[in-house]
Amino acid sequence: ALPSILGDDRFKVMFENPDFQVDEQSEEFRLLNPIVSKVGLKRKKKLRLLAQQAAASQQAAEDDEPEGKASSEEESSDDDKSWVEEVREQRRLLRQENRDRRRQERKDADRDTVLLDRGQNQEKTSQPQFYQLKPGEEFRSFKDVTHKQKLQKASLEDRLKMEESSGINSAVDTAVGSKQLTFTLRKVLLH
């Protein structure tokens, strides 16, 4: 005679630790629960049908076909349909809960942002703000930005003439602050 697993000290921790308990509100449990419950119901239904068939075969030995065979096939297809509907319903509920939770998180974040902005606006009027550049970033003045915007608005011909006069064909600033230049050398004639 083997001792009960519930009484075995080696497994005692599993039954007492809440981490090993089934979370009936979890997504996985809710998706599997219709499957588990349907399997149990089908098993009970099969046992009941087998018992009924055995009783019917004992009572009516002269019948060629056991009763309930066709109806059990119809019931199983109905069970499958209801099971699929239950799983779909659970998935729909889970999606709805996720949407509601995300919507609430966005509302909370928006509310916090509005409150934070209001608080910062009050502080901005009374205190100057200082900025620290991160490594790899470079400070660009407003003058540089406006000069680049003017260059972009100029025609290609004008830009090429400006580059030729400066001797630089192209200048590129990369994200980490290094620069790349392309230029052409002019031959100087010696007399």
N, C-alpha and C. Protein backbone atom coordinates (compact mmCIF):
# COMPACT_ATOMS: atom_id res chain seq x y z
N ALA A 1 0.85 -1.18 0.00
CA ALA A 1 0.00 0.00 0.00
C ALA A 1 0.89 1.24 0.00
N LEU A 2 0.69 2.07 -1.01
CA LEU A 2 1.47 3.29 -1.13
C LEU A 2 0.81 4.41 -0.34
N PRO A 3 1.63 5.27 0.28
CA PRO A 3 1.04 6.40 1.02
C PRO A 3 0.46 7.43 0.05
N SER A 4 -0.44 8.22 0.53
CA SER A 4 -1.08 9.25 -0.29
C SER A 4 -0.07 10.35 -0.62
N ILE A 5 -0.17 10.88 -1.81
CA ILE A 5 0.75 11.95 -2.22
C ILE A 5 0.51 13.21 -1.39
N LEU A 6 -0.70 13.41 -0.94
CA LEU A 6 -1.00 14.58 -0.12
C LEU A 6 -0.32 14.51 1.23
N GLY A 7 -0.08 13.31 1.73
CA GLY A 7 0.56 13.15 3.02
C GLY A 7 2.07 13.03 2.93
N ASP A 8 2.62 12.93 1.76
CA ASP A 8 4.06 12.76 1.58
C ASP A 8 4.77 14.09 1.82
N ASP A 9 5.78 14.09 2.73
CA ASP A 9 6.50 15.32 3.08
C ASP A 9 7.30 15.88 1.91
N ARG A 10 7.69 15.06 0.97
CA ARG A 10 8.48 15.55 -0.16
C ARG A 10 7.66 16.49 -1.05
N PHE A 11 6.36 16.30 -1.09
CA PHE A 11 5.50 17.12 -1.94
C PHE A 11 4.72 18.15 -1.14
N LYS A 12 4.95 18.20 0.15
CA LYS A 12 4.21 19.08 1.04
C LYS A 12 4.34 20.55 0.61
N VAL A 13 5.55 20.93 0.21
CA VAL A 13 5.81 22.32 -0.18
C VAL A 13 4.95 22.73 -1.37
N MET A 14 4.78 21.81 -2.32
CA MET A 14 3.98 22.13 -3.51
C MET A 14 2.53 22.46 -3.15
N PHE A 15 2.00 21.77 -2.18
CA PHE A 15 0.59 21.98 -1.83
C PHE A 15 0.40 23.19 -0.92
N GLU A 16 1.47 23.64 -0.26
CA GLU A 16 1.36 24.78 0.64
C GLU A 16 1.78 26.09 -0.02
N ASN A 17 2.64 26.02 -1.03
CA ASN A 17 3.17 27.22 -1.68
C ASN A 17 2.11 27.80 -2.63
N PRO A 18 1.78 29.09 -2.47
CA PRO A 18 0.77 29.69 -3.35
C PRO A 18 1.23 29.80 -4.81
N ASP A 19 2.54 29.73 -5.07
CA ASP A 19 3.02 29.78 -6.45
C ASP A 19 2.58 28.56 -7.25
N PHE A 20 2.30 27.45 -6.56
CA PHE A 20 1.89 26.22 -7.25
C PHE A 20 0.38 26.10 -7.36
N GLN A 21 -0.36 27.08 -6.85
CA GLN A 21 -1.81 27.04 -6.92
C GLN A 21 -2.27 27.44 -8.32
N VAL A 22 -3.41 26.96 -8.71
CA VAL A 22 -3.97 27.28 -10.02
C VAL A 22 -4.61 28.66 -9.94
N ASP A 23 -4.19 29.55 -10.83
CA ASP A 23 -4.77 30.89 -10.91
C ASP A 23 -5.93 30.84 -11.89
N GLU A 24 -7.14 30.82 -11.36
CA GLU A 24 -8.33 30.68 -12.21
C GLU A 24 -8.61 31.94 -13.01
N GLN A 25 -7.95 33.06 -12.70
CA GLN A 25 -8.14 34.30 -13.45
C GLN A 25 -7.10 34.46 -14.56
N SER A 26 -6.13 33.55 -14.63
CA SER A 26 -5.09 33.67 -15.65
C SER A 26 -5.65 33.36 -17.03
N GLU A 27 -5.00 33.92 -18.04
CA GLU A 27 -5.44 33.75 -19.43
C GLU A 27 -5.34 32.28 -19.84
N GLU A 28 -4.25 31.63 -19.46
CA GLU A 28 -4.05 30.24 -19.85
C GLU A 28 -5.15 29.34 -19.26
N PHE A 29 -5.47 29.54 -17.97
CA PHE A 29 -6.50 28.72 -17.34
C PHE A 29 -7.85 28.93 -18.01
N ARG A 30 -8.16 30.19 -18.29
CA ARG A 30 -9.47 30.49 -18.87
C ARG A 30 -9.61 29.92 -20.27
N LEU A 31 -8.48 29.86 -21.01
CA LEU A 31 -8.55 29.27 -22.35
C LEU A 31 -8.61 27.75 -22.29
N LEU A 32 -7.94 27.14 -21.31
CA LEU A 32 -7.93 25.68 -21.21
C LEU A 32 -9.12 25.13 -20.43
N ASN A 33 -9.73 25.94 -19.59
CA ASN A 33 -10.82 25.46 -18.75
C ASN A 33 -11.97 24.84 -19.54
N PRO A 34 -12.42 25.45 -20.63
CA PRO A 34 -13.50 24.78 -21.38
C PRO A 34 -13.06 23.41 -21.90
N ILE A 35 -11.80 23.29 -22.27
CA ILE A 35 -11.30 22.01 -22.78
C ILE A 35 -11.32 20.97 -21.66
N VAL A 36 -10.77 21.35 -20.50
CA VAL A 36 -10.70 20.41 -19.38
C VAL A 36 -12.09 20.01 -18.92
N SER A 37 -12.98 21.00 -18.79
CA SER A 37 -14.33 20.67 -18.33
C SER A 37 -15.07 19.83 -19.36
N LYS A 38 -14.87 20.10 -20.64
CA LYS A 38 -15.54 19.31 -21.68
C LYS A 38 -15.02 17.89 -21.71
N VAL A 39 -13.70 17.72 -21.50
CA VAL A 39 -13.15 16.36 -21.48
C VAL A 39 -13.78 15.57 -20.34
N GLY A 40 -13.90 16.22 -19.17
CA GLY A 40 -14.53 15.55 -18.03
C GLY A 40 -15.99 15.23 -18.30
N LEU A 41 -16.71 16.17 -18.90
CA LEU A 41 -18.12 15.93 -19.21
C LEU A 41 -18.28 14.83 -20.25
N LYS A 42 -17.41 14.83 -21.27
CA LYS A 42 -17.49 13.78 -22.29
C LYS A 42 -17.22 12.41 -21.69
N ARG A 43 -16.24 12.35 -20.78
CA ARG A 43 -15.91 11.07 -20.15
C ARG A 43 -17.11 10.56 -19.34
N LYS A 44 -17.74 11.46 -18.56
CA LYS A 44 -18.91 11.06 -17.78
C LYS A 44 -20.06 10.63 -18.70
N LYS A 45 -20.24 11.38 -19.80
CA LYS A 45 -21.32 11.06 -20.73
C LYS A 45 -21.08 9.70 -21.39
N LYS A 46 -19.81 9.42 -21.75
CA LYS A 46 -19.50 8.13 -22.35
C LYS A 46 -19.77 6.99 -21.37
N LEU A 47 -19.36 7.20 -20.12
CA LEU A 47 -19.61 6.16 -19.11
C LEU A 47 -21.11 5.93 -18.93
N ARG A 48 -21.86 7.02 -18.90
CA ARG A 48 -23.31 6.90 -18.75
C ARG A 48 -23.91 6.18 -19.96
N LEU A 49 -23.45 6.55 -21.17
CA LEU A 49 -23.95 5.90 -22.38
C LEU A 49 -23.59 4.41 -22.41
N LEU A 50 -22.36 4.10 -21.99
CA LEU A 50 -21.96 2.69 -21.94
C LEU A 50 -22.82 1.91 -20.95
N ALA A 51 -23.10 2.54 -19.81
CA ALA A 51 -23.96 1.87 -18.82
C ALA A 51 -25.37 1.68 -19.38
N GLN A 52 -25.88 2.70 -20.07
CA GLN A 52 -27.21 2.59 -20.66
C GLN A 52 -27.24 1.54 -21.75
N GLN A 53 -26.18 1.49 -22.56
CA GLN A 53 -26.11 0.50 -23.64
C GLN A 53 -26.03 -0.91 -23.07
N ALA A 54 -25.26 -1.06 -21.99
CA ALA A 54 -25.15 -2.38 -21.37
C ALA A 54 -26.50 -2.81 -20.81
N ALA A 55 -27.19 -1.86 -20.16
CA ALA A 55 -28.50 -2.17 -19.60
C ALA A 55 -29.50 -2.46 -20.72
N ALA A 56 -29.43 -1.67 -21.79
CA ALA A 56 -30.35 -1.87 -22.91
C ALA A 56 -30.07 -3.19 -23.62
N SER A 57 -28.80 -3.56 -23.75
CA SER A 57 -28.48 -4.83 -24.42
C SER A 57 -28.92 -6.02 -23.58
N GLN A 58 -28.87 -5.87 -22.29
CA GLN A 58 -29.34 -6.96 -21.43
C GLN A 58 -30.86 -7.08 -21.51
N GLN A 59 -31.55 -5.95 -21.55
CA GLN A 59 -33.01 -5.98 -21.59
C GLN A 59 -33.53 -6.37 -22.96
N ALA A 60 -32.90 -5.89 -24.02
CA ALA A 60 -33.40 -6.15 -25.36
C ALA A 60 -32.33 -6.88 -26.16
N ALA A 61 -32.16 -8.15 -25.90
CA ALA A 61 -31.14 -8.95 -26.59
C ALA A 61 -31.54 -9.22 -28.03
N GLU A 62 -32.83 -9.11 -28.34
CA GLU A 62 -33.27 -9.40 -29.69
C GLU A 62 -33.01 -8.26 -30.68
N ASP A 63 -32.74 -7.04 -30.20
CA ASP A 63 -32.47 -5.91 -31.11
C ASP A 63 -31.08 -6.05 -31.72
N ASP A 64 -30.96 -5.78 -33.03
CA ASP A 64 -29.67 -5.89 -33.72
C ASP A 64 -28.77 -4.68 -33.45
N GLU A 65 -29.37 -3.51 -33.42
CA GLU A 65 -28.56 -2.30 -33.25
C GLU A 65 -28.78 -1.74 -31.85
N PRO A 66 -27.70 -1.48 -31.14
CA PRO A 66 -27.87 -0.90 -29.79
C PRO A 66 -28.45 0.51 -29.89
N GLU A 67 -29.28 0.79 -28.91
CA GLU A 67 -29.94 2.10 -28.92
C GLU A 67 -28.94 3.20 -28.55
N GLY A 68 -29.18 4.37 -29.10
CA GLY A 68 -28.38 5.53 -28.70
C GLY A 68 -27.10 5.71 -29.48
N LYS A 69 -26.79 4.80 -30.40
CA LYS A 69 -25.52 4.93 -31.11
C LYS A 69 -25.54 6.16 -32.01
N ALA A 70 -26.57 6.34 -32.80
CA ALA A 70 -26.65 7.49 -33.70
C ALA A 70 -26.76 8.79 -32.90
N SER A 71 -27.52 8.74 -31.82
CA SER A 71 -27.70 9.97 -31.04
C SER A 71 -26.40 10.36 -30.35
N SER A 72 -25.55 9.40 -29.97
CA SER A 72 -24.29 9.76 -29.31
C SER A 72 -23.37 10.47 -30.29
N GLU A 73 -23.40 10.07 -31.57
CA GLU A 73 -22.58 10.76 -32.56
C GLU A 73 -23.07 12.18 -32.76
N GLU A 74 -24.38 12.37 -32.79
CA GLU A 74 -24.93 13.71 -32.94
C GLU A 74 -24.58 14.57 -31.73
N GLU A 75 -24.68 13.99 -30.54
CA GLU A 75 -24.37 14.73 -29.32
C GLU A 75 -22.91 15.15 -29.30
N SER A 76 -22.01 14.29 -29.77
CA SER A 76 -20.59 14.65 -29.73
C SER A 76 -20.30 15.82 -30.67
N SER A 77 -20.97 15.86 -31.83
CA SER A 77 -20.75 17.00 -32.72
C SER A 77 -21.33 18.27 -32.11
N ASP A 78 -22.48 18.14 -31.40
CA ASP A 78 -23.04 19.29 -30.70
C ASP A 78 -22.10 19.73 -29.59
N ASP A 79 -21.50 18.76 -28.89
CA ASP A 79 -20.54 19.09 -27.83
C ASP A 79 -19.35 19.84 -28.40
N ASP A 80 -18.85 19.37 -29.55
CA ASP A 80 -17.71 20.03 -30.17
C ASP A 80 -18.07 21.47 -30.55
N LYS A 81 -19.27 21.66 -31.08
CA LYS A 81 -19.69 23.02 -31.46
C LYS A 81 -19.78 23.92 -30.23
N SER A 82 -20.37 23.40 -29.16
CA SER A 82 -20.50 24.23 -27.96
C SER A 82 -19.13 24.50 -27.34
N TRP A 83 -18.23 23.52 -27.43
CA TRP A 83 -16.88 23.71 -26.90
C TRP A 83 -16.15 24.81 -27.68
N VAL A 84 -16.26 24.78 -29.00
CA VAL A 84 -15.62 25.80 -29.84
C VAL A 84 -16.20 27.17 -29.52
N GLU A 85 -17.51 27.23 -29.32
CA GLU A 85 -18.15 28.50 -28.99
C GLU A 85 -17.65 29.01 -27.64
N GLU A 86 -17.48 28.11 -26.67
CA GLU A 86 -16.98 28.53 -25.36
C GLU A 86 -15.56 29.08 -25.47
N VAL A 87 -14.71 28.41 -26.24
CA VAL A 87 -13.33 28.88 -26.41
C VAL A 87 -13.32 30.24 -27.09
N ARG A 88 -14.16 30.41 -28.12
CA ARG A 88 -14.23 31.71 -28.80
C ARG A 88 -14.70 32.80 -27.84
N GLU A 89 -15.68 32.47 -27.02
CA GLU A 89 -16.20 33.44 -26.06
C GLU A 89 -15.12 33.83 -25.05
N GLN A 90 -14.34 32.84 -24.57
CA GLN A 90 -13.26 33.14 -23.63
C GLN A 90 -12.21 34.03 -24.29
N ARG A 91 -11.86 33.74 -25.53
CA ARG A 91 -10.87 34.57 -26.23
C ARG A 91 -11.39 35.99 -26.43
N ARG A 92 -12.67 36.10 -26.78
CA ARG A 92 -13.26 37.42 -26.96
C ARG A 92 -13.23 38.20 -25.64
N LEU A 93 -13.58 37.54 -24.54
CA LEU A 93 -13.55 38.20 -23.24
C LEU A 93 -12.14 38.64 -22.87
N LEU A 94 -11.15 37.78 -23.14
CA LEU A 94 -9.76 38.14 -22.83
C LEU A 94 -9.30 39.33 -23.66
N ARG A 95 -9.66 39.34 -24.95
CA ARG A 95 -9.27 40.48 -25.79
C ARG A 95 -9.93 41.76 -25.28
N GLN A 96 -11.20 41.66 -24.90
CA GLN A 96 -11.91 42.83 -24.38
C GLN A 96 -11.26 43.34 -23.10
N GLU A 97 -10.90 42.41 -22.20
CA GLU A 97 -10.24 42.81 -20.96
C GLU A 97 -8.90 43.48 -21.25
N ASN A 98 -8.14 42.94 -22.19
CA ASN A 98 -6.85 43.55 -22.55
C ASN A 98 -7.05 44.95 -23.12
N ARG A 99 -8.06 45.11 -24.00
CA ARG A 99 -8.34 46.43 -24.56
C ARG A 99 -8.73 47.41 -23.47
N ASP A 100 -9.60 46.98 -22.55
CA ASP A 100 -10.03 47.86 -21.46
C ASP A 100 -8.85 48.25 -20.58
N ARG A 101 -7.98 47.27 -20.28
CA ARG A 101 -6.82 47.54 -19.43
C ARG A 101 -5.88 48.54 -20.11
N ARG A 102 -5.60 48.33 -21.42
CA ARG A 102 -4.72 49.25 -22.15
C ARG A 102 -5.33 50.64 -22.23
N ARG A 103 -6.65 50.71 -22.46
CA ARG A 103 -7.33 52.00 -22.53
C ARG A 103 -7.21 52.72 -21.19
N GLN A 104 -7.39 51.99 -20.09
CA GLN A 104 -7.29 52.60 -18.77
C GLN A 104 -5.86 53.07 -18.50
N GLU A 105 -4.86 52.27 -18.92
CA GLU A 105 -3.46 52.67 -18.73
C GLU A 105 -3.16 53.94 -19.52
N ARG A 106 -3.69 54.04 -20.74
CA ARG A 106 -3.47 55.25 -21.54
C ARG A 106 -4.12 56.46 -20.88
N LYS A 107 -5.35 56.26 -20.35
CA LYS A 107 -6.03 57.37 -19.68
C LYS A 107 -5.22 57.83 -18.47
N ASP A 108 -4.73 56.86 -17.69
CA ASP A 108 -3.92 57.21 -16.52
C ASP A 108 -2.65 57.93 -16.92
N ALA A 109 -2.00 57.45 -17.98
CA ALA A 109 -0.76 58.08 -18.45
C ALA A 109 -1.05 59.50 -18.95
N ASP A 110 -2.16 59.67 -19.68
CA ASP A 110 -2.53 61.00 -20.17
C ASP A 110 -2.82 61.94 -19.00
N ARG A 111 -3.54 61.44 -18.01
CA ARG A 111 -3.87 62.25 -16.84
C ARG A 111 -2.60 62.66 -16.11
N ASP A 112 -1.67 61.71 -15.93
CA ASP A 112 -0.41 62.00 -15.27
C ASP A 112 0.40 63.02 -16.07
N THR A 113 0.39 62.88 -17.39
CA THR A 113 1.14 63.81 -18.24
C THR A 113 0.56 65.22 -18.13
N VAL A 114 -0.77 65.33 -18.15
CA VAL A 114 -1.40 66.64 -18.04
C VAL A 114 -1.07 67.27 -16.70
N LEU A 115 -1.15 66.49 -15.63
CA LEU A 115 -0.83 67.02 -14.30
C LEU A 115 0.64 67.41 -14.22
N LEU A 116 1.51 66.60 -14.80
CA LEU A 116 2.94 66.88 -14.80
C LEU A 116 3.23 68.14 -15.61
N ASP A 117 2.59 68.28 -16.77
CA ASP A 117 2.79 69.47 -17.60
C ASP A 117 2.34 70.73 -16.87
N ARG A 118 1.22 70.65 -16.18
CA ARG A 118 0.74 71.81 -15.43
C ARG A 118 1.74 72.19 -14.35
N GLY A 119 2.25 71.19 -13.66
CA GLY A 119 3.24 71.45 -12.61
C GLY A 119 4.52 72.01 -13.18
N GLN A 120 4.97 71.52 -14.31
CA GLN A 120 6.20 72.02 -14.93
C GLN A 120 6.01 73.42 -15.47
N ASN A 121 4.84 73.73 -16.02
CA ASN A 121 4.60 75.07 -16.55
C ASN A 121 4.67 76.11 -15.44
N GLN A 122 4.20 75.76 -14.25
CA GLN A 122 4.28 76.68 -13.13
C GLN A 122 5.73 76.87 -12.71
N GLU A 123 6.53 75.79 -12.76
CA GLU A 123 7.93 75.88 -12.37
C GLU A 123 8.74 76.61 -13.43
N LYS A 124 8.40 76.48 -14.71
CA LYS A 124 9.16 77.09 -15.80
C LYS A 124 9.18 78.61 -15.69
N THR A 125 8.10 79.18 -15.24
CA THR A 125 8.04 80.63 -15.17
C THR A 125 8.97 81.17 -14.09
N SER A 126 9.27 80.37 -13.08
CA SER A 126 10.07 80.89 -11.98
C SER A 126 11.53 80.45 -12.03
N GLN A 127 11.88 79.40 -12.76
CA GLN A 127 13.25 78.90 -12.74
C GLN A 127 13.78 78.70 -14.15
N PRO A 128 15.08 79.02 -14.38
CA PRO A 128 15.66 78.74 -15.69
C PRO A 128 15.90 77.25 -15.86
N GLN A 129 15.93 76.81 -17.11
CA GLN A 129 16.18 75.39 -17.39
C GLN A 129 17.57 75.23 -17.98
N PHE A 130 18.24 74.16 -17.56
CA PHE A 130 19.56 73.84 -18.06
C PHE A 130 19.50 72.50 -18.77
N TYR A 131 20.27 72.38 -19.84
CA TYR A 131 20.31 71.14 -20.60
C TYR A 131 21.73 70.62 -20.63
N GLN A 132 21.86 69.32 -20.54
CA GLN A 132 23.17 68.70 -20.63
C GLN A 132 23.18 67.81 -21.87
N LEU A 133 24.21 67.97 -22.69
CA LEU A 133 24.31 67.17 -23.91
C LEU A 133 24.82 65.79 -23.56
N LYS A 134 24.25 64.79 -24.18
CA LYS A 134 24.70 63.42 -23.99
C LYS A 134 25.96 63.20 -24.81
N PRO A 135 26.79 62.23 -24.41
CA PRO A 135 27.99 61.94 -25.21
C PRO A 135 27.59 61.54 -26.63
N GLY A 136 28.29 62.06 -27.61
CA GLY A 136 27.98 61.75 -28.99
C GLY A 136 27.07 62.77 -29.64
N GLU A 137 26.43 63.62 -28.84
CA GLU A 137 25.58 64.67 -29.40
C GLU A 137 26.40 65.94 -29.52
N GLU A 138 26.04 66.77 -30.46
CA GLU A 138 26.72 68.05 -30.57
C GLU A 138 25.69 69.16 -30.55
N PHE A 139 26.12 70.29 -30.06
CA PHE A 139 25.23 71.43 -29.96
C PHE A 139 25.14 72.11 -31.32
N ARG A 140 23.96 72.35 -31.77
CA ARG A 140 23.76 73.07 -33.03
C ARG A 140 22.96 74.32 -32.72
N SER A 141 23.51 75.40 -33.10
CA SER A 141 22.83 76.66 -32.81
C SER A 141 21.69 76.88 -33.80
N PHE A 142 20.87 77.82 -33.48
CA PHE A 142 19.75 78.17 -34.34
C PHE A 142 20.26 78.69 -35.68
N LYS A 143 21.41 79.34 -35.64
CA LYS A 143 22.01 79.89 -36.85
C LYS A 143 22.35 78.78 -37.85
N ASP A 144 22.91 77.66 -37.35
CA ASP A 144 23.23 76.53 -38.22
C ASP A 144 21.97 75.95 -38.87
N VAL A 145 20.93 75.83 -38.09
CA VAL A 145 19.68 75.25 -38.59
C VAL A 145 19.09 76.14 -39.68
N THR A 146 19.07 77.44 -39.46
CA THR A 146 18.49 78.34 -40.46
C THR A 146 19.34 78.35 -41.73
N HIS A 147 20.67 78.26 -41.59
CA HIS A 147 21.55 78.22 -42.76
C HIS A 147 21.26 76.96 -43.59
N LYS A 148 21.09 75.81 -42.92
CA LYS A 148 20.79 74.57 -43.64
C LYS A 148 19.43 74.64 -44.32
N GLN A 149 18.45 75.27 -43.66
CA GLN A 149 17.14 75.40 -44.27
C GLN A 149 17.20 76.28 -45.52
N LYS A 150 18.00 77.33 -45.47
CA LYS A 150 18.15 78.19 -46.64
C LYS A 150 18.82 77.43 -47.78
N LEU A 151 19.81 76.59 -47.44
CA LEU A 151 20.47 75.78 -48.46
C LEU A 151 19.49 74.81 -49.11
N GLN A 152 18.63 74.23 -48.32
CA GLN A 152 17.67 73.28 -48.85
C GLN A 152 16.66 73.95 -49.77
N LYS A 153 16.35 75.20 -49.49
CA LYS A 153 15.39 75.92 -50.32
C LYS A 153 16.03 76.43 -51.61
N ALA A 154 17.35 76.55 -51.62
CA ALA A 154 18.04 77.04 -52.81
C ALA A 154 17.99 75.97 -53.90
N SER A 155 18.10 76.41 -55.13
CA SER A 155 18.07 75.46 -56.25
C SER A 155 19.36 74.65 -56.27
N LEU A 156 19.33 73.54 -56.98
CA LEU A 156 20.49 72.67 -57.08
C LEU A 156 21.67 73.41 -57.72
N GLU A 157 21.38 74.21 -58.70
CA GLU A 157 22.44 74.96 -59.39
C GLU A 157 23.15 75.90 -58.41
N ASP A 158 22.36 76.60 -57.60
CA ASP A 158 22.96 77.53 -56.63
C ASP A 158 23.80 76.78 -55.60
N ARG A 159 23.30 75.64 -55.14
CA ARG A 159 24.06 74.86 -54.15
C ARG A 159 25.37 74.35 -54.74
N LEU A 160 25.34 73.87 -55.98
CA LEU A 160 26.57 73.38 -56.62
C LEU A 160 27.58 74.51 -56.80
N LYS A 161 27.12 75.69 -57.17
CA LYS A 161 28.02 76.84 -57.31
C LYS A 161 28.67 77.20 -55.98
N MET A 162 27.87 77.16 -54.90
CA MET A 162 28.42 77.47 -53.57
C MET A 162 29.46 76.44 -53.17
N GLU A 163 29.20 75.16 -53.46
CA GLU A 163 30.15 74.11 -53.12
C GLU A 163 31.43 74.25 -53.93
N GLU A 164 31.31 74.59 -55.21
CA GLU A 164 32.49 74.75 -56.06
C GLU A 164 33.34 75.92 -55.59
N SER A 165 32.70 76.99 -55.18
CA SER A 165 33.45 78.16 -54.73
C SER A 165 34.17 77.88 -53.41
N SER A 166 33.59 77.03 -52.57
CA SER A 166 34.25 76.70 -51.30
C SER A 166 35.26 75.57 -51.47
N GLY A 167 35.21 74.85 -52.57
CA GLY A 167 36.14 73.76 -52.81
C GLY A 167 35.69 72.44 -52.21
N ILE A 168 34.55 72.43 -51.56
CA ILE A 168 34.04 71.21 -50.93
C ILE A 168 32.87 70.72 -51.75
N ASN A 169 32.94 69.48 -52.20
CA ASN A 169 31.84 68.93 -52.99
C ASN A 169 30.68 68.49 -52.11
N SER A 170 30.99 67.86 -50.98
CA SER A 170 29.91 67.47 -50.07
C SER A 170 30.45 67.38 -48.65
N ALA A 171 29.62 67.73 -47.71
CA ALA A 171 29.97 67.63 -46.29
C ALA A 171 28.83 66.91 -45.59
N VAL A 172 29.17 65.90 -44.80
CA VAL A 172 28.16 65.11 -44.12
C VAL A 172 28.49 65.04 -42.64
N ASP A 173 27.53 65.33 -41.78
CA ASP A 173 27.69 65.15 -40.33
C ASP A 173 27.04 63.84 -39.96
N THR A 174 27.76 63.00 -39.24
CA THR A 174 27.16 61.74 -38.80
C THR A 174 26.59 61.92 -37.40
N ALA A 175 25.92 60.91 -36.92
CA ALA A 175 25.21 61.01 -35.64
C ALA A 175 26.16 61.14 -34.46
N VAL A 176 27.35 60.58 -34.54
CA VAL A 176 28.26 60.61 -33.39
C VAL A 176 29.21 61.80 -33.43
N GLY A 177 29.03 62.71 -34.37
CA GLY A 177 29.82 63.92 -34.37
C GLY A 177 30.98 63.92 -35.35
N SER A 178 31.29 62.80 -35.96
CA SER A 178 32.38 62.81 -36.93
C SER A 178 31.88 63.41 -38.24
N LYS A 179 32.79 63.83 -39.06
CA LYS A 179 32.40 64.48 -40.31
C LYS A 179 33.03 63.76 -41.49
N GLN A 180 32.38 63.88 -42.61
CA GLN A 180 32.87 63.27 -43.85
C GLN A 180 32.83 64.35 -44.93
N LEU A 181 33.97 64.58 -45.58
CA LEU A 181 34.06 65.61 -46.62
C LEU A 181 34.53 64.98 -47.92
N THR A 182 34.02 65.48 -49.01
CA THR A 182 34.49 65.08 -50.34
C THR A 182 34.86 66.36 -51.08
N PHE A 183 36.04 66.41 -51.65
CA PHE A 183 36.47 67.61 -52.34
C PHE A 183 37.32 67.24 -53.55
N THR A 184 37.52 68.21 -54.43
CA THR A 184 38.35 68.00 -55.61
C THR A 184 39.56 68.93 -55.55
N LEU A 185 40.68 68.43 -56.01
CA LEU A 185 41.90 69.23 -56.03
C LEU A 185 42.00 69.95 -57.37
N ARG A 186 42.42 71.17 -57.31
CA ARG A 186 42.62 71.93 -58.54
C ARG A 186 44.12 71.97 -58.83
N LYS A 187 44.45 71.80 -60.08
CA LYS A 187 45.86 71.85 -60.47
C LYS A 187 46.29 73.32 -60.57
N VAL A 188 47.39 73.58 -59.97
CA VAL A 188 47.94 74.93 -60.03
C VAL A 188 49.10 74.92 -61.02
N LEU A 189 49.05 75.77 -62.00
CA LEU A 189 50.11 75.84 -63.01
C LEU A 189 51.26 76.70 -62.49
N LEU A 190 52.46 76.16 -62.53
CA LEU A 190 53.63 76.91 -62.10
C LEU A 190 54.29 77.55 -63.32
N HIS A 191 54.64 78.79 -63.24
CA HIS A 191 55.26 79.48 -64.37
C HIS A 191 56.74 79.52 -64.20
